[in-house]
């Protein structure tokens, strides 16, 4: 990203909305936004590091409540929420930080939630696991603060491998939605 160009464009935008970019509170805004954009759009250059795995097996691994923040590609407003990932290893497991980095890789882009969910599932499944489920629950500011102005949330899911089977899908959904305080009997 070209910082100087971004700063210039933000300065022009400030003028277009009717503000004075030399006003005390706005003087540093173009630089702050350029720095913010490097951070929130860092997913284009990131690596999820999924190649790092540990020799271990398990029937299923579930990572719940991975927080994410993304930017809607239609209005460039944030959407955010939690992603839940379940996978059935094939002799190797991923560290939880790798799953968080995978979510960040795809969420730190101009994005739609449905593609975000699909991208995470596809990349994880490409690592040779037996099956993957990705569920995303999010709030969208493009819907809350403009347009219909509604508090509805969106859920999206992606199923790969063994979890495309109806029975396996139902069983894993029950496990994902279970909380630690629930009985596992």
Protein backbone atom coordinates (compact mmCIF):
# COMPACT_ATOMS: atom_id res chain seq x y z
CA UNK A 1 0.00 0.00 0.00
CA UNK A 2 1.29 3.45 -0.92
CA UNK A 3 1.05 5.49 2.32
CA UNK A 4 1.45 8.88 0.66
CA UNK A 5 -1.28 8.15 -1.85
CA UNK A 6 -3.66 6.90 0.86
CA UNK A 7 -3.00 10.03 2.96
CA UNK A 8 -3.71 12.24 -0.04
CA UNK A 9 -6.95 10.40 -0.84
CA UNK A 10 -8.14 10.60 2.79
CA UNK A 11 -7.35 14.32 2.87
CA UNK A 12 -9.45 14.76 -0.29
CA UNK A 13 -12.27 12.73 1.24
CA UNK A 14 -12.24 14.94 4.35
CA UNK A 15 -12.66 17.96 2.08
CA UNK A 16 -15.46 16.24 0.10
CA UNK A 17 -17.54 15.57 3.22
CA UNK A 18 -17.34 19.29 4.05
CA UNK A 19 -14.58 19.37 6.64
CA UNK A 20 -11.32 21.25 6.94
CA UNK A 21 -8.35 18.84 6.89
CA UNK A 22 -6.18 21.48 8.59
CA UNK A 23 -8.47 21.61 11.64
CA UNK A 24 -6.67 20.45 14.80
CA UNK A 25 -8.63 17.21 15.23
CA UNK A 26 -8.25 16.24 11.56
CA UNK A 27 -4.64 17.22 10.83
CA UNK A 28 -3.21 13.78 11.62
CA UNK A 29 -6.26 11.80 10.44
CA UNK A 30 -4.88 10.90 6.98
CA UNK A 31 -1.76 9.40 8.60
CA UNK A 32 -3.81 7.57 11.27
CA UNK A 33 -6.07 6.08 8.60
CA UNK A 34 -3.13 5.02 6.42
CA UNK A 35 -1.62 3.21 9.44
CA UNK A 36 -4.99 1.68 10.31
CA UNK A 37 -5.47 0.42 6.75
CA UNK A 38 -2.10 -1.35 6.87
CA UNK A 39 -3.30 -3.17 9.97
CA UNK A 40 -6.90 -4.00 9.05
CA UNK A 41 -6.06 -4.99 5.47
CA UNK A 42 -2.92 -6.95 6.40
CA UNK A 43 -4.52 -10.24 5.36
CA UNK A 44 -3.46 -9.85 1.75
CA UNK A 45 0.19 -10.36 2.69
CA UNK A 46 -0.15 -12.74 5.64
CA UNK A 47 0.51 -16.45 5.95
CA UNK A 48 -1.68 -18.65 8.12
CA UNK A 49 1.32 -20.91 8.86
CA UNK A 50 -0.82 -24.04 8.66
CA UNK A 51 2.20 -26.00 7.45
CA UNK A 52 3.32 -26.12 11.10
CA UNK A 53 1.63 -29.20 12.54
CA UNK A 54 2.21 -31.61 15.39
CA UNK A 55 2.10 -35.41 15.19
CA UNK A 56 -0.99 -36.25 17.16
CA UNK A 57 -4.43 -37.54 16.41
CA UNK A 58 -7.87 -36.88 17.76
CA UNK A 59 -11.40 -37.59 16.62
CA UNK A 60 -12.23 -33.91 16.44
CA UNK A 61 -10.62 -30.60 17.41
CA UNK A 62 -12.88 -27.62 18.07
CA UNK A 63 -11.76 -24.01 18.47
CA UNK A 64 -14.67 -21.84 19.57
CA UNK A 65 -15.15 -18.10 19.71
CA UNK A 66 -12.22 -16.93 17.60
CA UNK A 67 -12.85 -13.19 17.40
CA UNK A 68 -12.62 -11.52 14.03
CA UNK A 69 -13.04 -8.10 12.49
CA UNK A 70 -13.40 -7.54 8.78
CA UNK A 71 -14.48 -4.88 6.31
CA UNK A 72 -17.52 -5.31 4.10
CA UNK A 73 -16.47 -5.00 0.48
CA UNK A 74 -19.80 -3.39 -0.46
CA UNK A 75 -19.74 -0.41 1.93
CA UNK A 76 -16.26 -0.58 3.51
CA UNK A 77 -17.81 -0.72 6.96
CA UNK A 78 -16.81 -3.24 9.62
CA UNK A 79 -18.43 -6.55 10.35
CA UNK A 80 -17.28 -8.56 13.32
CA UNK A 81 -18.07 -11.55 15.42
CA UNK A 82 -16.84 -15.02 16.26
CA UNK A 83 -15.76 -17.97 14.19
CA UNK A 84 -15.90 -21.57 15.35
CA UNK A 85 -13.69 -24.15 13.64
CA UNK A 86 -13.94 -27.92 13.97
CA UNK A 87 -11.73 -30.37 12.13
CA UNK A 88 -10.99 -34.05 12.16
CA UNK A 89 -7.20 -34.48 12.02
CA UNK A 90 -5.44 -37.05 9.90
CA UNK A 91 -2.54 -37.84 12.23
CA UNK A 92 -1.46 -34.21 12.65
CA UNK A 93 -2.97 -31.28 14.58
CA UNK A 94 -2.54 -27.52 14.29
CA UNK A 95 -1.69 -25.23 17.19
CA UNK A 96 -4.62 -23.00 18.09
CA UNK A 97 -2.60 -19.91 17.18
CA UNK A 98 -2.43 -21.24 13.61
CA UNK A 99 -6.23 -21.37 13.49
CA UNK A 100 -6.42 -17.78 14.76
CA UNK A 101 -3.87 -16.70 12.12
CA UNK A 102 -5.92 -18.46 9.45
CA UNK A 103 -8.99 -16.46 10.49
CA UNK A 104 -6.96 -13.24 10.45
CA UNK A 105 -5.49 -14.01 7.03
CA UNK A 106 -8.92 -13.95 5.43
CA UNK A 107 -10.74 -11.49 7.70
CA UNK A 108 -8.19 -8.71 7.22
CA UNK A 109 -9.34 -8.06 3.65
CA UNK A 110 -12.25 -6.45 1.91
CA UNK A 111 -14.62 -9.34 2.30
CA UNK A 112 -18.09 -10.78 2.61
CA UNK A 113 -18.87 -13.15 5.45
CA UNK A 114 -19.90 -16.04 3.24
CA UNK A 115 -16.57 -15.97 1.36
CA UNK A 116 -14.64 -15.58 4.60
CA UNK A 117 -16.24 -18.76 5.94
CA UNK A 118 -15.56 -20.65 2.70
CA UNK A 119 -11.93 -19.47 2.42
CA UNK A 120 -11.09 -20.63 5.95
CA UNK A 121 -12.69 -24.05 5.38
CA UNK A 122 -11.00 -24.52 2.00
CA UNK A 123 -7.51 -23.68 3.24
CA UNK A 124 -7.80 -25.87 6.32
CA UNK A 125 -9.23 -28.77 4.27
CA UNK A 126 -6.36 -28.42 1.76
CA UNK A 127 -3.98 -29.46 4.57
CA UNK A 128 -5.19 -33.07 4.42
CA UNK A 129 -7.60 -33.19 7.35
CA UNK A 130 -10.53 -35.63 7.13
CA UNK A 131 -13.16 -32.94 7.56
CA UNK A 132 -13.70 -29.28 8.42
CA UNK A 133 -16.58 -27.18 9.70
CA UNK A 134 -16.40 -23.40 9.91
CA UNK A 135 -19.23 -21.39 11.46
CA UNK A 136 -19.22 -17.60 11.54
CA UNK A 137 -21.63 -15.39 13.49
CA UNK A 138 -21.33 -11.66 12.87
CA UNK A 139 -22.82 -8.21 13.22
CA UNK A 140 -22.60 -5.94 10.20
CA UNK A 141 -22.34 -2.17 10.68
CA UNK A 142 -23.37 -1.63 7.05
CA UNK A 143 -26.77 -2.95 8.11
CA UNK A 144 -26.90 -1.46 11.61
CA UNK A 145 -25.93 2.11 10.91
CA UNK A 146 -27.28 2.69 7.40
CA UNK A 147 -29.88 1.29 5.04
CA UNK A 148 -32.41 -0.82 6.97
CA UNK A 149 -30.81 0.02 10.35
CA UNK A 150 -31.50 -3.35 11.88
CA UNK A 151 -29.72 -5.36 14.58
CA UNK A 152 -30.01 -8.69 12.76
CA UNK A 153 -26.92 -10.90 12.78
CA UNK A 154 -25.69 -13.23 10.07
CA UNK A 155 -24.53 -16.82 10.47
CA UNK A 156 -22.68 -18.66 7.73
CA UNK A 157 -21.19 -22.13 7.56
CA UNK A 158 -18.95 -24.29 5.41
CA UNK A 159 -18.64 -28.08 5.61
CA UNK A 160 -15.86 -30.10 3.96
CA UNK A 161 -14.90 -33.78 3.82
CA UNK A 162 -16.56 -36.15 6.28
CA UNK A 163 -18.76 -33.33 7.60
CA UNK A 164 -20.61 -33.07 4.31
CA UNK A 165 -22.41 -36.27 5.38
CA UNK A 166 -25.79 -35.41 6.95
CA UNK A 167 -25.28 -37.49 10.12
CA UNK A 168 -21.71 -36.27 10.69
CA UNK A 169 -22.84 -32.69 10.07
CA UNK A 170 -25.57 -32.96 12.74
CA UNK A 171 -23.20 -34.55 15.27
CA UNK A 172 -20.46 -31.96 14.83
CA UNK A 173 -22.91 -29.06 15.00
CA UNK A 174 -24.07 -30.33 18.39
CA UNK A 175 -20.46 -30.50 19.61
CA UNK A 176 -19.59 -27.03 18.30
CA UNK A 177 -22.59 -25.42 19.99
CA UNK A 178 -21.84 -27.18 23.32
CA UNK A 179 -20.12 -25.13 26.00
CA UNK A 180 -17.61 -26.27 28.60
CA UNK A 181 -20.28 -26.07 31.31
CA UNK A 182 -22.47 -28.52 29.38
CA UNK A 183 -22.24 -32.23 30.01
CA UNK A 184 -20.36 -34.24 27.38
CA UNK A 185 -22.10 -37.49 28.32
